[in-house]
Protein backbone atom coordinates (compact mmCIF):
# COMPACT_ATOMS: atom_id res chain seq x y z
CA MET A 1 -97.82 -94.36 -101.11
CA SER A 2 -98.19 -92.09 -98.10
CA GLN A 3 -95.15 -90.09 -97.10
CA GLN A 4 -94.74 -89.62 -93.49
CA THR A 5 -93.25 -86.57 -92.98
CA THR A 6 -91.51 -85.69 -89.52
CA ARG A 7 -92.20 -82.13 -88.28
CA PRO A 8 -89.08 -80.32 -87.43
CA GLN A 9 -88.31 -79.38 -83.54
CA SER A 10 -89.13 -75.86 -82.97
CA PRO A 11 -86.25 -73.42 -82.16
CA VAL A 12 -87.64 -72.48 -78.99
CA ALA A 13 -88.26 -75.98 -77.44
CA GLY A 14 -84.42 -76.68 -78.41
CA MET A 15 -83.33 -73.71 -76.61
CA VAL A 16 -85.30 -74.32 -73.63
CA GLY A 17 -83.98 -77.82 -73.35
CA ALA A 18 -80.54 -76.61 -73.83
CA MET A 19 -81.17 -73.90 -71.17
CA ALA A 20 -82.66 -76.33 -68.62
CA VAL A 21 -79.36 -78.81 -69.14
CA LEU A 22 -77.21 -75.63 -68.71
CA VAL A 23 -78.91 -74.61 -65.33
CA VAL A 24 -78.29 -78.00 -64.05
CA LEU A 25 -74.96 -78.27 -64.52
CA VAL A 26 -74.21 -74.84 -63.34
CA LEU A 27 -76.02 -75.54 -60.02
CA GLY A 28 -74.54 -78.88 -59.72
CA TYR A 29 -71.04 -77.01 -60.06
CA ALA A 30 -72.04 -74.36 -57.48
CA GLY A 31 -72.98 -77.18 -55.16
CA VAL A 32 -69.66 -79.02 -55.29
CA GLN A 33 -67.94 -75.80 -54.87
CA SER A 34 -69.96 -75.03 -51.64
CA LEU A 35 -68.90 -78.25 -50.35
CA ARG A 36 -65.26 -77.64 -50.94
CA THR A 37 -65.28 -74.13 -49.44
CA ARG A 38 -62.61 -74.07 -46.77
CA THR A 39 -63.12 -72.43 -43.19
CA GLU A 40 -60.67 -69.35 -44.50
CA ALA A 41 -63.60 -68.37 -46.64
CA ARG A 42 -66.19 -68.26 -44.15
CA VAL A 43 -63.81 -66.46 -41.21
CA SER A 44 -62.49 -63.09 -41.96
CA THR A 45 -58.61 -62.53 -41.21
CA VAL A 46 -57.25 -59.45 -39.47
CA ASP A 47 -53.98 -57.91 -40.03
CA TYR A 48 -52.57 -58.05 -36.19
CA ALA A 49 -49.04 -56.62 -37.15
CA ARG A 50 -50.69 -52.87 -37.85
CA VAL A 51 -52.44 -53.47 -34.05
CA VAL A 52 -48.85 -54.55 -32.09
CA PRO A 53 -46.73 -51.00 -32.11
CA ASP A 54 -49.68 -49.12 -30.87
CA ALA A 55 -50.45 -51.85 -28.32
CA ARG A 56 -46.93 -52.32 -27.17
CA ARG A 57 -46.84 -48.45 -26.62
CA ALA A 58 -49.70 -48.33 -24.80
CA ALA A 59 -49.02 -51.47 -22.50
CA ASP A 60 -47.90 -51.65 -19.27
CA PHE A 61 -46.09 -55.16 -19.85
CA ASP A 62 -43.42 -56.42 -22.53
CA LEU A 63 -46.43 -57.33 -25.16
CA LEU A 64 -45.42 -60.20 -26.97
CA ALA A 65 -46.42 -61.21 -30.70
CA PRO A 66 -45.03 -63.45 -33.64
CA ALA A 67 -43.13 -61.28 -35.95
CA HIS A 68 -44.84 -63.46 -38.54
CA LEU A 69 -47.33 -66.53 -38.68
CA PRO A 70 -46.35 -69.89 -39.83
CA ALA A 71 -47.39 -70.86 -43.40
CA GLY A 72 -51.03 -71.38 -43.87
CA TRP A 73 -51.76 -69.73 -40.20
CA ARG A 74 -53.96 -66.59 -40.32
CA ALA A 75 -55.26 -64.19 -37.58
CA THR A 76 -58.99 -64.28 -37.10
CA THR A 77 -59.34 -61.81 -34.01
CA VAL A 78 -56.99 -59.35 -32.31
CA SER A 79 -57.46 -57.10 -29.29
CA PHE A 80 -55.93 -54.76 -26.81
CA SER A 81 -57.32 -53.24 -23.47
CA GLY A 82 -55.49 -50.95 -21.48
CA ALA A 83 -54.71 -50.04 -17.95
CA PRO A 84 -55.78 -50.84 -15.25
CA ASP A 85 -56.79 -54.34 -16.67
CA SER A 86 -54.40 -54.09 -19.51
CA HIS A 87 -54.79 -57.29 -21.78
CA TRP A 88 -53.20 -58.41 -25.06
CA HIS A 89 -55.50 -61.18 -27.22
CA LEU A 90 -54.44 -62.49 -30.64
CA GLY A 91 -56.47 -65.63 -32.11
CA VAL A 92 -55.09 -67.26 -35.13
CA LEU A 93 -56.19 -70.52 -37.20
CA THR A 94 -53.54 -73.25 -38.05
CA ALA A 95 -53.59 -74.47 -42.00
CA GLN A 96 -55.52 -77.46 -40.50
CA ASP A 97 -58.15 -74.57 -39.09
CA ARG A 98 -57.27 -75.11 -35.75
CA TYR A 99 -57.75 -72.70 -33.09
CA VAL A 100 -54.56 -70.93 -30.96
CA GLY A 101 -54.88 -68.04 -28.93
CA LEU A 102 -52.39 -65.96 -27.42
CA GLU A 103 -53.72 -64.39 -24.06
CA GLN A 104 -51.31 -61.67 -22.13
CA GLY A 105 -52.23 -59.66 -19.16
CA ARG A 106 -52.06 -59.35 -15.49
CA GLY A 107 -54.09 -61.96 -14.59
CA SER A 108 -52.49 -65.02 -12.37
CA VAL A 109 -51.50 -68.26 -14.00
CA ALA A 110 -54.25 -70.14 -12.35
CA SER A 111 -57.08 -67.25 -13.36
CA MET A 112 -55.79 -67.27 -17.01
CA VAL A 113 -56.04 -70.82 -17.25
CA THR A 114 -59.56 -70.88 -15.77
CA THR A 115 -60.75 -68.47 -17.78
CA TYR A 116 -59.15 -69.42 -21.09
CA VAL A 117 -58.53 -72.98 -20.85
CA ASP A 118 -60.87 -75.03 -18.38
CA GLU A 119 -61.89 -74.69 -15.07
CA ALA A 120 -60.66 -78.42 -14.47
CA ALA A 121 -57.55 -78.21 -16.81
CA THR A 122 -54.56 -80.30 -15.56
CA ARG A 123 -51.15 -79.35 -15.09
CA GLY A 124 -48.78 -80.84 -16.98
CA ARG A 125 -45.26 -81.32 -17.22
CA PRO A 126 -42.84 -78.42 -17.82
CA VAL A 127 -41.94 -77.49 -21.37
CA LEU A 128 -38.83 -75.67 -22.29
CA VAL A 129 -39.83 -72.74 -25.05
CA ALA A 130 -36.61 -71.15 -26.56
CA GLY A 131 -34.83 -71.93 -23.21
CA ARG A 132 -37.36 -70.80 -20.83
CA SER A 133 -39.40 -73.15 -18.63
CA TRP A 134 -43.34 -73.15 -19.62
CA THR A 135 -45.94 -74.65 -17.78
CA SER A 136 -48.40 -77.07 -19.85
CA TYR A 137 -52.02 -77.75 -19.16
CA THR A 138 -54.88 -79.86 -20.66
CA ASP A 139 -58.10 -80.21 -20.61
CA PRO A 140 -60.82 -83.31 -21.57
CA LYS A 141 -61.81 -81.42 -24.70
CA GLY A 142 -58.49 -81.34 -26.32
CA ASP A 143 -56.76 -78.30 -25.35
CA LEU A 144 -53.32 -77.64 -25.01
CA ALA A 145 -52.04 -74.67 -23.12
CA LEU A 146 -48.43 -73.40 -22.29
CA ALA A 147 -48.05 -70.96 -19.43
CA HIS A 148 -45.23 -68.56 -18.53
CA ARG A 149 -44.92 -65.82 -15.92
CA VAL A 150 -42.43 -63.01 -15.72
CA GLY A 151 -42.87 -60.32 -12.97
CA ARG A 152 -46.49 -59.45 -12.84
CA THR A 153 -47.05 -60.53 -16.53
CA THR A 154 -48.73 -64.00 -17.61
CA THR A 155 -48.59 -65.35 -21.20
CA LEU A 156 -50.78 -67.90 -22.24
CA VAL A 157 -50.49 -69.76 -25.40
CA VAL A 158 -53.49 -72.29 -25.83
CA GLY A 159 -54.66 -74.46 -28.76
CA HIS A 160 -57.31 -76.62 -29.51
CA GLU A 161 -56.37 -80.03 -31.34
CA VAL A 162 -53.10 -78.46 -31.82
CA LEU A 163 -50.10 -80.58 -31.76
CA ARG A 164 -47.62 -79.81 -29.30
CA PRO A 165 -44.47 -79.29 -31.32
CA ASP A 166 -46.62 -76.79 -33.34
CA LEU A 167 -48.01 -74.87 -29.89
CA ILE A 168 -44.06 -74.78 -28.77
CA GLY A 169 -42.94 -73.40 -32.08
CA TYR A 170 -45.66 -70.46 -32.03
CA ALA A 171 -44.69 -69.72 -28.30
CA ALA A 172 -41.17 -69.75 -29.35
CA SER A 173 -41.96 -67.01 -32.11
CA LEU A 174 -43.34 -64.77 -29.65
CA ARG A 175 -41.36 -61.48 -29.55
């Protein structure tokens, strides 16, 4: 009678196999996580509220900014340049990762709309924002802008594929 003996698996071979399975699982998990990464992880945010007081003191116009952003919105860019071409900019992303820009300065409404919306922007009907009439503009690429001029200062709020009520609410929050 012959007895067949089975050779036990080498401990090193078992560890290599287990390690290979573990590496595949880790790489698979990392791949899934990278697909789920939101824009906010790729876009750095800025604390615009720290810039506002100094910019307000230096501005030769009534600089406007939201006291706070709506839930889920985040500031991504902020800048101020002083006289003679004073200009205030605040760029934010909505909770749906849509861009909203606040531009304020001495330029005319027409020049700011051309620069920040589109040369071919179409003037729409007036919109009431916090009791004041603002002019609306749209372009073929999905931009909606609201413009308001007080004295020599133009305030422009422009959103890319942002809902009209959201843009109006943001403009109304400017103080």
